[in-house]
Amino acid sequence: TKEDFTRTGQQYDLILAANGNRSISDYRRALSPKGIYVQI
């Protein structure tokens, strides 16, 4: 409610989306170059 994790500049090796309504481009921005995103 206060911070957008996709725009902090921090990148992650793995993102698990257990909830939410973000676009895949948002998640891609927060992934490291060889990161993995899984929508569950």
PDB file of all heavy atoms in Angstrom:
ATOM      1  N   THR A   1       0.823  -1.212   0.000  1.00  0.00           N
ATOM      2  CA  THR A   1       0.000   0.000   0.000  1.00  0.00           C
ATOM      3  C   THR A   1       0.860   1.265   0.000  1.00  0.00           C
ATOM      4  O   THR A   1       0.347   2.367  -0.244  1.00  0.00           O
ATOM      5  CB  THR A   1      -0.940   0.045   1.214  1.00  0.00           C
ATOM      6  OG1 THR A   1      -0.170   0.240   2.414  1.00  0.00           O
ATOM      7  CG2 THR A   1      -1.747  -1.241   1.337  1.00  0.00           C
ATOM      8  N   LYS A   2       2.165   1.106   0.269  1.00  0.00           N
ATOM      9  CA  LYS A   2       3.038   2.273   0.351  1.00  0.00           C
ATOM     10  C   LYS A   2       4.220   2.226  -0.609  1.00  0.00           C
ATOM     11  O   LYS A   2       4.854   3.261  -0.859  1.00  0.00           O
ATOM     12  CB  LYS A   2       3.576   2.417   1.788  1.00  0.00           C
ATOM     13  CG  LYS A   2       2.487   2.655   2.828  1.00  0.00           C
ATOM     14  CD  LYS A   2       3.074   2.750   4.222  1.00  0.00           C
ATOM     15  CE  LYS A   2       1.982   2.998   5.264  1.00  0.00           C
ATOM     16  NZ  LYS A   2       2.526   3.060   6.639  1.00  0.00           N
ATOM     17  N   GLU A   3       4.529   1.042  -1.126  1.00  0.00           N
ATOM     18  CA  GLU A   3       5.723   0.900  -1.952  1.00  0.00           C
ATOM     19  C   GLU A   3       5.470  -0.107  -3.067  1.00  0.00           C
ATOM     20  O   GLU A   3       4.870  -1.156  -2.846  1.00  0.00           O
ATOM     21  CB  GLU A   3       6.902   0.441  -1.081  1.00  0.00           C
ATOM     22  CG  GLU A   3       8.225   0.400  -1.791  1.00  0.00           C
ATOM     23  CD  GLU A   3       9.371   0.019  -0.848  1.00  0.00           C
ATOM     24  OE1 GLU A   3       9.098  -0.327   0.320  1.00  0.00           O
ATOM     25  OE2 GLU A   3      10.523   0.074  -1.294  1.00  0.00           O
ATOM     26  N   ASP A   4       5.941   0.210  -4.268  1.00  0.00           N
ATOM     27  CA  ASP A   4       5.808  -0.663  -5.426  1.00  0.00           C
ATOM     28  C   ASP A   4       7.100  -1.453  -5.587  1.00  0.00           C
ATOM     29  O   ASP A   4       8.138  -0.901  -5.970  1.00  0.00           O
ATOM     30  CB  ASP A   4       5.534   0.176  -6.679  1.00  0.00           C
ATOM     31  CG  ASP A   4       5.310  -0.676  -7.923  1.00  0.00           C
ATOM     32  OD1 ASP A   4       5.577  -1.893  -7.887  1.00  0.00           O
ATOM     33  OD2 ASP A   4       4.875  -0.116  -8.949  1.00  0.00           O
ATOM     34  N   PHE A   5       7.068  -2.742  -5.284  1.00  0.00           N
ATOM     35  CA  PHE A   5       8.289  -3.542  -5.300  1.00  0.00           C
ATOM     36  C   PHE A   5       8.884  -3.677  -6.700  1.00  0.00           C
ATOM     37  O   PHE A   5      10.058  -4.007  -6.848  1.00  0.00           O
ATOM     38  CB  PHE A   5       8.041  -4.930  -4.697  1.00  0.00           C
ATOM     39  CG  PHE A   5       7.197  -5.850  -5.548  1.00  0.00           C
ATOM     40  CD1 PHE A   5       7.780  -6.660  -6.514  1.00  0.00           C
ATOM     41  CD2 PHE A   5       5.824  -5.916  -5.377  1.00  0.00           C
ATOM     42  CE1 PHE A   5       7.006  -7.510  -7.295  1.00  0.00           C
ATOM     43  CE2 PHE A   5       5.039  -6.768  -6.154  1.00  0.00           C
ATOM     44  CZ  PHE A   5       5.633  -7.564  -7.118  1.00  0.00           C
ATOM     45  N   THR A   6       8.087  -3.412  -7.736  1.00  0.00           N
ATOM     46  CA  THR A   6       8.604  -3.540  -9.104  1.00  0.00           C
ATOM     47  C   THR A   6       9.355  -2.299  -9.558  1.00  0.00           C
ATOM     48  O   THR A   6       9.926  -2.287 -10.649  1.00  0.00           O
ATOM     49  CB  THR A   6       7.460  -3.830 -10.100  1.00  0.00           C
ATOM     50  OG1 THR A   6       6.689  -2.641 -10.310  1.00  0.00           O
ATOM     51  CG2 THR A   6       6.570  -4.950  -9.629  1.00  0.00           C
ATOM     52  N   ARG A   7       9.360  -1.252  -8.729  1.00  0.00           N
ATOM     53  CA  ARG A   7      10.011  -0.003  -9.119  1.00  0.00           C
ATOM     54  C   ARG A   7      11.070   0.459  -8.119  1.00  0.00           C
ATOM     55  O   ARG A   7      11.484   1.615  -8.120  1.00  0.00           O
ATOM     56  CB  ARG A   7       8.961   1.102  -9.316  1.00  0.00           C
ATOM     57  CG  ARG A   7       7.997   0.796 -10.457  1.00  0.00           C
ATOM     58  CD  ARG A   7       7.109   1.953 -10.821  1.00  0.00           C
ATOM     59  NE  ARG A   7       6.233   1.631 -11.942  1.00  0.00           N
ATOM     60  CZ  ARG A   7       6.600   1.675 -13.229  1.00  0.00           C
ATOM     61  NH1 ARG A   7       7.835   2.055 -13.540  1.00  0.00           N
ATOM     62  NH2 ARG A   7       5.759   1.361 -14.187  1.00  0.00           N
ATOM     63  N   THR A   8      11.511  -0.428  -7.260  1.00  0.00           N
ATOM     64  CA  THR A   8      12.546  -0.069  -6.281  1.00  0.00           C
ATOM     65  C   THR A   8      13.947  -0.220  -6.858  1.00  0.00           C
ATOM     66  O   THR A   8      14.917   0.277  -6.266  1.00  0.00           O
ATOM     67  CB  THR A   8      12.435  -0.959  -5.032  1.00  0.00           C
ATOM     68  OG1 THR A   8      12.666  -2.330  -5.416  1.00  0.00           O
ATOM     69  CG2 THR A   8      11.065  -0.823  -4.378  1.00  0.00           C
ATOM     70  N   GLY A   9      14.069  -0.915  -7.981  1.00  0.00           N
ATOM     71  CA  GLY A   9      15.387  -1.199  -8.540  1.00  0.00           C
ATOM     72  C   GLY A   9      15.969  -2.509  -8.046  1.00  0.00           C
ATOM     73  O   GLY A   9      16.948  -3.012  -8.605  1.00  0.00           O
ATOM     74  N   GLN A  10      15.372  -3.085  -6.999  1.00  0.00           N
ATOM     75  CA  GLN A  10      15.822  -4.377  -6.485  1.00  0.00           C
ATOM     76  C   GLN A  10      15.338  -5.492  -7.422  1.00  0.00           C
ATOM     77  O   GLN A  10      14.195  -5.477  -7.885  1.00  0.00           O
ATOM     78  CB  GLN A  10      15.269  -4.612  -5.074  1.00  0.00           C
ATOM     79  CG  GLN A  10      15.620  -5.961  -4.473  1.00  0.00           C
ATOM     80  CD  GLN A  10      17.115  -6.100  -4.233  1.00  0.00           C
ATOM     81  OE1 GLN A  10      17.707  -5.308  -3.503  1.00  0.00           O
ATOM     82  NE2 GLN A  10      17.726  -7.091  -4.851  1.00  0.00           N
ATOM     83  N   GLN A  11      16.202  -6.448  -7.697  1.00  0.00           N
ATOM     84  CA  GLN A  11      15.829  -7.583  -8.529  1.00  0.00           C
ATOM     85  C   GLN A  11      15.991  -8.882  -7.758  1.00  0.00           C
ATOM     86  O   GLN A  11      16.811  -8.986  -6.844  1.00  0.00           O
ATOM     87  CB  GLN A  11      16.676  -7.606  -9.814  1.00  0.00           C
ATOM     88  CG  GLN A  11      16.387  -6.434 -10.742  1.00  0.00           C
ATOM     89  CD  GLN A  11      17.126  -6.547 -12.057  1.00  0.00           C
ATOM     90  OE1 GLN A  11      18.277  -6.960 -12.113  1.00  0.00           O
ATOM     91  NE2 GLN A  11      16.457  -6.177 -13.145  1.00  0.00           N
ATOM     92  N   TYR A  12      15.188  -9.861  -8.164  1.00  0.00           N
ATOM     93  CA  TYR A  12      15.112 -11.105  -7.410  1.00  0.00           C
ATOM     94  C   TYR A  12      15.387 -12.308  -8.312  1.00  0.00           C
ATOM     95  O   TYR A  12      15.040 -12.315  -9.497  1.00  0.00           O
ATOM     96  CB  TYR A  12      13.729 -11.234  -6.772  1.00  0.00           C
ATOM     97  CG  TYR A  12      13.407 -10.079  -5.854  1.00  0.00           C
ATOM     98  CD1 TYR A  12      12.766  -8.932  -6.342  1.00  0.00           C
ATOM     99  CD2 TYR A  12      13.772 -10.109  -4.517  1.00  0.00           C
ATOM    100  CE1 TYR A  12      12.500  -7.860  -5.508  1.00  0.00           C
ATOM    101  CE2 TYR A  12      13.511  -9.029  -3.682  1.00  0.00           C
ATOM    102  CZ  TYR A  12      12.871  -7.914  -4.178  1.00  0.00           C
ATOM    103  OH  TYR A  12      12.619  -6.849  -3.354  1.00  0.00           O
ATOM    104  N   ASP A  13      15.998 -13.332  -7.719  1.00  0.00           N
ATOM    105  CA  ASP A  13      16.284 -14.565  -8.456  1.00  0.00           C
ATOM    106  C   ASP A  13      15.024 -15.385  -8.688  1.00  0.00           C
ATOM    107  O   ASP A  13      14.918 -16.109  -9.676  1.00  0.00           O
ATOM    108  CB  ASP A  13      17.301 -15.414  -7.688  1.00  0.00           C
ATOM    109  CG  ASP A  13      18.602 -14.669  -7.441  1.00  0.00           C
ATOM    110  OD1 ASP A  13      19.239 -14.249  -8.432  1.00  0.00           O
ATOM    111  OD2 ASP A  13      18.978 -14.482  -6.265  1.00  0.00           O
ATOM    112  N   LEU A  14      14.082 -15.280  -7.765  1.00  0.00           N
ATOM    113  CA  LEU A  14      12.817 -15.999  -7.889  1.00  0.00           C
ATOM    114  C   LEU A  14      11.697 -15.134  -7.350  1.00  0.00           C
ATOM    115  O   LEU A  14      11.815 -14.561  -6.261  1.00  0.00           O
ATOM    116  CB  LEU A  14      12.860 -17.324  -7.102  1.00  0.00           C
ATOM    117  CG  LEU A  14      11.538 -18.073  -6.921  1.00  0.00           C
ATOM    118  CD1 LEU A  14      10.955 -18.501  -8.256  1.00  0.00           C
ATOM    119  CD2 LEU A  14      11.713 -19.279  -6.004  1.00  0.00           C
ATOM    120  N   ILE A  15      10.616 -15.019  -8.114  1.00  0.00           N
ATOM    121  CA  ILE A  15       9.401 -14.363  -7.646  1.00  0.00           C
ATOM    122  C   ILE A  15       8.269 -15.377  -7.710  1.00  0.00           C
ATOM    123  O   ILE A  15       8.008 -15.967  -8.758  1.00  0.00           O
ATOM    124  CB  ILE A  15       9.037 -13.134  -8.501  1.00  0.00           C
ATOM    125  CG1 ILE A  15      10.112 -12.047  -8.370  1.00  0.00           C
ATOM    126  CG2 ILE A  15       7.671 -12.573  -8.088  1.00  0.00           C
ATOM    127  CD1 ILE A  15       9.873 -10.837  -9.260  1.00  0.00           C
ATOM    128  N   LEU A  16       7.598 -15.573  -6.584  1.00  0.00           N
ATOM    129  CA  LEU A  16       6.403 -16.413  -6.522  1.00  0.00           C
ATOM    130  C   LEU A  16       5.202 -15.501  -6.321  1.00  0.00           C
ATOM    131  O   LEU A  16       5.122 -14.777  -5.324  1.00  0.00           O
ATOM    132  CB  LEU A  16       6.491 -17.415  -5.365  1.00  0.00           C
ATOM    133  CG  LEU A  16       7.500 -18.557  -5.506  1.00  0.00           C
ATOM    134  CD1 LEU A  16       7.543 -19.369  -4.230  1.00  0.00           C
ATOM    135  CD2 LEU A  16       7.147 -19.453  -6.678  1.00  0.00           C
ATOM    136  N   ALA A  17       4.278 -15.509  -7.262  1.00  0.00           N
ATOM    137  CA  ALA A  17       3.083 -14.674  -7.171  1.00  0.00           C
ATOM    138  C   ALA A  17       1.948 -15.517  -6.626  1.00  0.00           C
ATOM    139  O   ALA A  17       1.280 -16.238  -7.364  1.00  0.00           O
ATOM    140  CB  ALA A  17       2.724 -14.103  -8.535  1.00  0.00           C
ATOM    141  N   ALA A  18       1.749 -15.443  -5.320  1.00  0.00           N
ATOM    142  CA  ALA A  18       0.683 -16.203  -4.672  1.00  0.00           C
ATOM    143  C   ALA A  18      -0.609 -15.409  -4.604  1.00  0.00           C
ATOM    144  O   ALA A  18      -1.652 -15.950  -4.244  1.00  0.00           O
ATOM    145  CB  ALA A  18       1.111 -16.620  -3.262  1.00  0.00           C
ATOM    146  N   ASN A  19      -0.536 -14.136  -4.957  1.00  0.00           N
ATOM    147  CA  ASN A  19      -1.717 -13.274  -4.959  1.00  0.00           C
ATOM    148  C   ASN A  19      -1.366 -12.027  -5.763  1.00  0.00           C
ATOM    149  O   ASN A  19      -0.247 -11.864  -6.218  1.00  0.00           O
ATOM    150  CB  ASN A  19      -2.129 -12.907  -3.528  1.00  0.00           C
ATOM    151  CG  ASN A  19      -3.616 -12.616  -3.424  1.00  0.00           C
ATOM    152  OD1 ASN A  19      -4.266 -12.307  -4.426  1.00  0.00           O
ATOM    153  ND2 ASN A  19      -4.172 -12.714  -2.239  1.00  0.00           N
ATOM    154  N   GLY A  20      -2.326 -11.149  -5.921  1.00  0.00           N
ATOM    155  CA  GLY A  20      -2.047  -9.889  -6.584  1.00  0.00           C
ATOM    156  C   GLY A  20      -2.626  -9.810  -7.985  1.00  0.00           C
ATOM    157  O   GLY A  20      -3.210 -10.753  -8.498  1.00  0.00           O
ATOM    158  N   ASN A  21      -2.431  -8.643  -8.576  1.00  0.00           N
ATOM    159  CA  ASN A  21      -2.935  -8.388  -9.918  1.00  0.00           C
ATOM    160  C   ASN A  21      -1.945  -7.497 -10.660  1.00  0.00           C
ATOM    161  O   ASN A  21      -2.268  -6.413 -11.115  1.00  0.00           O
ATOM    162  CB  ASN A  21      -4.314  -7.724  -9.859  1.00  0.00           C
ATOM    163  CG  ASN A  21      -4.946  -7.568 -11.227  1.00  0.00           C
ATOM    164  OD1 ASN A  21      -4.611  -8.296 -12.151  1.00  0.00           O
ATOM    165  ND2 ASN A  21      -5.843  -6.606 -11.367  1.00  0.00           N
ATOM    166  N   ARG A  22      -0.701  -7.965 -10.764  1.00  0.00           N
ATOM    167  CA  ARG A  22       0.335  -7.224 -11.456  1.00  0.00           C
ATOM    168  C   ARG A  22       0.511  -7.783 -12.861  1.00  0.00           C
ATOM    169  O   ARG A  22       0.309  -8.969 -13.115  1.00  0.00           O
ATOM    170  CB  ARG A  22       1.668  -7.332 -10.694  1.00  0.00           C
ATOM    171  CG  ARG A  22       1.629  -6.885  -9.243  1.00  0.00           C
ATOM    172  CD  ARG A  22       1.144  -5.458  -9.085  1.00  0.00           C
ATOM    173  NE  ARG A  22       1.981  -4.506  -9.779  1.00  0.00           N
ATOM    174  CZ  ARG A  22       2.863  -3.700  -9.193  1.00  0.00           C
ATOM    175  NH1 ARG A  22       3.002  -3.741  -7.879  1.00  0.00           N
ATOM    176  NH2 ARG A  22       3.572  -2.847  -9.892  1.00  0.00           N
ATOM    177  N   SER A  23       0.947  -6.930 -13.778  1.00  0.00           N
ATOM    178  CA  SER A  23       1.192  -7.380 -15.145  1.00  0.00           C
ATOM    179  C   SER A  23       2.487  -8.179 -15.195  1.00  0.00           C
ATOM    180  O   SER A  23       3.376  -8.023 -14.341  1.00  0.00           O
ATOM    181  CB  SER A  23       1.284  -6.186 -16.085  1.00  0.00           C
ATOM    182  OG  SER A  23       2.473  -5.463 -15.847  1.00  0.00           O
ATOM    183  N   ILE A  24       2.607  -9.011 -16.198  1.00  0.00           N
ATOM    184  CA  ILE A  24       3.817  -9.817 -16.334  1.00  0.00           C
ATOM    185  C   ILE A  24       5.030  -8.935 -16.604  1.00  0.00           C
ATOM    186  O   ILE A  24       6.155  -9.263 -16.215  1.00  0.00           O
ATOM    187  CB  ILE A  24       3.631 -10.902 -17.417  1.00  0.00           C
ATOM    188  CG1 ILE A  24       4.674 -12.001 -17.241  1.00  0.00           C
ATOM    189  CG2 ILE A  24       3.666 -10.294 -18.814  1.00  0.00           C
ATOM    190  CD1 ILE A  24       4.375 -13.259 -18.035  1.00  0.00           C
ATOM    191  N   SER A  25       4.814  -7.770 -17.229  1.00  0.00           N
ATOM    192  CA  SER A  25       5.926  -6.842 -17.459  1.00  0.00           C
ATOM    193  C   SER A  25       6.426  -6.252 -16.147  1.00  0.00           C
ATOM    194  O   SER A  25       7.623  -5.981 -15.983  1.00  0.00           O
ATOM    195  CB  SER A  25       5.520  -5.731 -18.426  1.00  0.00           C
ATOM    196  OG  SER A  25       4.410  -5.007 -17.925  1.00  0.00           O
ATOM    197  N   ASP A  26       5.520  -6.030 -15.191  1.00  0.00           N
ATOM    198  CA  ASP A  26       5.933  -5.567 -13.864  1.00  0.00           C
ATOM    199  C   ASP A  26       6.854  -6.584 -13.207  1.00  0.00           C
ATOM    200  O   ASP A  26       7.917  -6.251 -12.675  1.00  0.00           O
ATOM    201  CB  ASP A  26       4.711  -5.342 -12.967  1.00  0.00           C
ATOM    202  CG  ASP A  26       3.931  -4.087 -13.318  1.00  0.00           C
ATOM    203  OD1 ASP A  26       4.485  -3.224 -14.027  1.00  0.00           O
ATOM    204  OD2 ASP A  26       2.764  -3.984 -12.896  1.00  0.00           O
ATOM    205  N   TYR A  27       6.410  -7.838 -13.224  1.00  0.00           N
ATOM    206  CA  TYR A  27       7.224  -8.889 -12.609  1.00  0.00           C
ATOM    207  C   TYR A  27       8.562  -9.039 -13.329  1.00  0.00           C
ATOM    208  O   TYR A  27       9.603  -9.255 -12.692  1.00  0.00           O
ATOM    209  CB  TYR A  27       6.468 -10.217 -12.630  1.00  0.00           C
ATOM    210  CG  TYR A  27       5.358 -10.307 -11.602  1.00  0.00           C
ATOM    211  CD1 TYR A  27       4.025 -10.419 -11.990  1.00  0.00           C
ATOM    212  CD2 TYR A  27       5.645 -10.281 -10.240  1.00  0.00           C
ATOM    213  CE1 TYR A  27       3.011 -10.511 -11.049  1.00  0.00           C
ATOM    214  CE2 TYR A  27       4.633 -10.369  -9.287  1.00  0.00           C
ATOM    215  CZ  TYR A  27       3.319 -10.474  -9.700  1.00  0.00           C
ATOM    216  OH  TYR A  27       2.321 -10.557  -8.760  1.00  0.00           O
ATOM    217  N   ARG A  28       8.529  -8.928 -14.639  1.00  0.00           N
ATOM    218  CA  ARG A  28       9.767  -9.077 -15.408  1.00  0.00           C
ATOM    219  C   ARG A  28      10.781  -8.011 -15.016  1.00  0.00           C
ATOM    220  O   ARG A  28      11.990  -8.275 -14.942  1.00  0.00           O
ATOM    221  CB  ARG A  28       9.434  -8.991 -16.899  1.00  0.00           C
ATOM    222  CG  ARG A  28      10.572  -9.397 -17.804  1.00  0.00           C
ATOM    223  CD  ARG A  28      10.158  -9.359 -19.267  1.00  0.00           C
ATOM    224  NE  ARG A  28      11.195  -9.879 -20.137  1.00  0.00           N
ATOM    225  CZ  ARG A  28      11.125  -9.901 -21.449  1.00  0.00           C
ATOM    226  NH1 ARG A  28      10.044  -9.419 -22.059  1.00  0.00           N
ATOM    227  NH2 ARG A  28      12.123 -10.395 -22.164  1.00  0.00           N
ATOM    228  N   ARG A  29      10.301  -6.813 -14.743  1.00  0.00           N
ATOM    229  CA  ARG A  29      11.183  -5.716 -14.344  1.00  0.00           C
ATOM    230  C   ARG A  29      11.868  -6.005 -13.007  1.00  0.00           C
ATOM    231  O   ARG A  29      13.008  -5.582 -12.779  1.00  0.00           O
ATOM    232  CB  ARG A  29      10.372  -4.422 -14.259  1.00  0.00           C
ATOM    233  CG  ARG A  29      11.188  -3.176 -14.002  1.00  0.00           C
ATOM    234  CD  ARG A  29      10.379  -1.908 -14.241  1.00  0.00           C
ATOM    235  NE  ARG A  29       9.144  -1.876 -13.475  1.00  0.00           N
ATOM    236  CZ  ARG A  29       7.918  -1.885 -14.004  1.00  0.00           C
ATOM    237  NH1 ARG A  29       7.762  -1.934 -15.317  1.00  0.00           N
ATOM    238  NH2 ARG A  29       6.846  -1.836 -13.243  1.00  0.00           N
ATOM    239  N   ALA A  30      11.189  -6.740 -12.150  1.00  0.00           N
ATOM    240  CA  ALA A  30      11.744  -7.032 -10.826  1.00  0.00           C
ATOM    241  C   ALA A  30      12.583  -8.306 -10.799  1.00  0.00           C
ATOM    242  O   ALA A  30      13.154  -8.651  -9.763  1.00  0.00           O
ATOM    243  CB  ALA A  30      10.615  -7.146  -9.811  1.00  0.00           C
ATOM    244  N   LEU A  31      12.673  -9.011 -11.928  1.00  0.00           N
ATOM    245  CA  LEU A  31      13.465 -10.242 -11.994  1.00  0.00           C
ATOM    246  C   LEU A  31      14.916  -9.936 -12.347  1.00  0.00           C
ATOM    247  O   LEU A  31      15.205  -9.047 -13.151  1.00  0.00           O
ATOM    248  CB  LEU A  31      12.905 -11.180 -13.061  1.00  0.00           C
ATOM    249  CG  LEU A  31      11.851 -12.216 -12.676  1.00  0.00           C
ATOM    250  CD1 LEU A  31      11.550 -13.090 -13.897  1.00  0.00           C
ATOM    251  CD2 LEU A  31      12.265 -13.062 -11.494  1.00  0.00           C
ATOM    252  N   SER A  32      15.838 -10.704 -11.793  1.00  0.00           N
ATOM    253  CA  SER A  32      17.231 -10.635 -12.218  1.00  0.00           C
ATOM    254  C   SER A  32      17.340 -11.162 -13.650  1.00  0.00           C
ATOM    255  O   SER A  32      16.413 -11.814 -14.151  1.00  0.00           O
ATOM    256  CB  SER A  32      18.109 -11.467 -11.275  1.00  0.00           C
ATOM    257  OG  SER A  32      17.736 -12.837 -11.353  1.00  0.00           O
ATOM    258  N   PRO A  33      18.453 -10.883 -14.348  1.00  0.00           N
ATOM    259  CA  PRO A  33      18.562 -11.283 -15.756  1.00  0.00           C
ATOM    260  C   PRO A  33      18.292 -12.767 -16.013  1.00  0.00           C
ATOM    261  O   PRO A  33      17.774 -13.126 -17.072  1.00  0.00           O
ATOM    262  CB  PRO A  33      20.007 -10.913 -16.106  1.00  0.00           C
ATOM    263  CG  PRO A  33      20.309  -9.750 -15.210  1.00  0.00           C
ATOM    264  CD  PRO A  33      19.602 -10.064 -13.927  1.00  0.00           C
ATOM    265  N   LYS A  34      18.606 -13.632 -15.069  1.00  0.00           N
ATOM    266  CA  LYS A  34      18.341 -15.066 -15.214  1.00  0.00           C
ATOM    267  C   LYS A  34      17.324 -15.548 -14.185  1.00  0.00           C
ATOM    268  O   LYS A  34      17.290 -16.718 -13.823  1.00  0.00           O
ATOM    269  CB  LYS A  34      19.639 -15.854 -15.102  1.00  0.00           C
ATOM    270  CG  LYS A  34      20.612 -15.583 -16.235  1.00  0.00           C
ATOM    271  CD  LYS A  34      21.821 -16.496 -16.161  1.00  0.00           C
ATOM    272  CE  LYS A  34      22.770 -16.236 -17.333  1.00  0.00           C
ATOM    273  NZ  LYS A  34      23.960 -17.125 -17.294  1.00  0.00           N
ATOM    274  N   GLY A  35      16.478 -14.628 -13.742  1.00  0.00           N
ATOM    275  CA  GLY A  35      15.509 -14.947 -12.704  1.00  0.00           C
ATOM    276  C   GLY A  35      14.343 -15.771 -13.209  1.00  0.00           C
ATOM    277  O   GLY A  35      14.109 -15.907 -14.416  1.00  0.00           O
ATOM    278  N   ILE A  36      13.581 -16.307 -12.246  1.00  0.00           N
ATOM    279  CA  ILE A  36      12.428 -17.158 -12.542  1.00  0.00           C
ATOM    280  C   ILE A  36      11.198 -16.581 -11.857  1.00  0.00           C
ATOM    281  O   ILE A  36      11.242 -16.209 -10.679  1.00  0.00           O
ATOM    282  CB  ILE A  36      12.665 -18.603 -12.046  1.00  0.00           C
ATOM    283  CG1 ILE A  36      13.880 -19.212 -12.751  1.00  0.00           C
ATOM    284  CG2 ILE A  36      11.434 -19.468 -12.293  1.00  0.00           C
ATOM    285  CD1 ILE A  36      14.294 -20.561 -12.173  1.00  0.00           C
ATOM    286  N   TYR A  37      10.114 -16.483 -12.611  1.00  0.00           N
ATOM    287  CA  TYR A  37       8.829 -16.027 -12.074  1.00  0.00           C
ATOM    288  C   TYR A  37       7.825 -17.159 -12.210  1.00  0.00           C
ATOM    289  O   TYR A  37       7.675 -17.756 -13.283  1.00  0.00           O
ATOM    290  CB  TYR A  37       8.336 -14.803 -12.848  1.00  0.00           C
ATOM    291  CG  TYR A  37       6.855 -14.527 -12.712  1.00  0.00           C
ATOM    292  CD1 TYR A  37       6.324 -13.990 -11.539  1.00  0.00           C
ATOM    293  CD2 TYR A  37       5.974 -14.796 -13.766  1.00  0.00           C
ATOM    294  CE1 TYR A  37       4.967 -13.734 -11.416  1.00  0.00           C
ATOM    295  CE2 TYR A  37       4.613 -14.541 -13.655  1.00  0.00           C
ATOM    296  CZ  TYR A  37       4.114 -14.014 -12.476  1.00  0.00           C
ATOM    297  OH  TYR A  37       2.778 -13.767 -12.356  1.00  0.00           O
ATOM    298  N   VAL A  38       7.137 -17.458 -11.107  1.00  0.00           N
ATOM    299  CA  VAL A  38       6.121 -18.512 -11.111  1.00  0.00           C
ATOM    300  C   VAL A  38       4.822 -17.950 -10.564  1.00  0.00           C
ATOM    301  O   VAL A  38       4.773 -17.442  -9.438  1.00  0.00           O
ATOM    302  CB  VAL A  38       6.547 -19.730 -10.264  1.00  0.00           C
ATOM    303  CG1 VAL A  38       5.480 -20.817 -10.332  1.00  0.00           C
ATOM    304  CG2 VAL A  38       7.884 -20.284 -10.740  1.00  0.00           C
ATOM    305  N   GLN A  39       3.764 -18.027 -11.347  1.00  0.00           N
ATOM    306  CA  GLN A  39       2.438 -17.582 -10.930  1.00  0.00           C
ATOM    307  C   GLN A  39       1.701 -18.769 -10.329  1.00  0.00           C
ATOM    308  O   GLN A  39       1.476 -19.782 -10.978  1.00  0.00           O
ATOM    309  CB  GLN A  39       1.678 -17.010 -12.135  1.00  0.00           C
ATOM    310  CG  GLN A  39       0.397 -16.290 -11.801  1.00  0.00           C
ATOM    311  CD  GLN A  39      -0.794 -17.238 -11.778  1.00  0.00           C
ATOM    312  OE1 GLN A  39      -0.818 -18.227 -12.498  1.00  0.00           O
ATOM    313  NE2 GLN A  39      -1.764 -16.938 -10.938  1.00  0.00           N
ATOM    314  N   ILE A  40       1.349 -18.665  -9.036  1.00  0.00           N
ATOM    315  CA  ILE A  40       0.643 -19.754  -8.353  1.00  0.00           C
ATOM    316  C   ILE A  40      -0.666 -19.275  -7.718  1.00  0.00           C
ATOM    317  O   ILE A  40      -1.281 -19.988  -6.938  1.00  0.00           O
ATOM    318  CB  ILE A  40       1.526 -20.427  -7.274  1.00  0.00           C
ATOM    319  CG1 ILE A  40       2.063 -19.403  -6.261  1.00  0.00           C
ATOM    320  CG2 ILE A  40       2.677 -21.180  -7.909  1.00  0.00           C
ATOM    321  CD1 ILE A  40       2.852 -20.020  -5.128  1.00  0.00           C
TER     322      ILE A  40
END
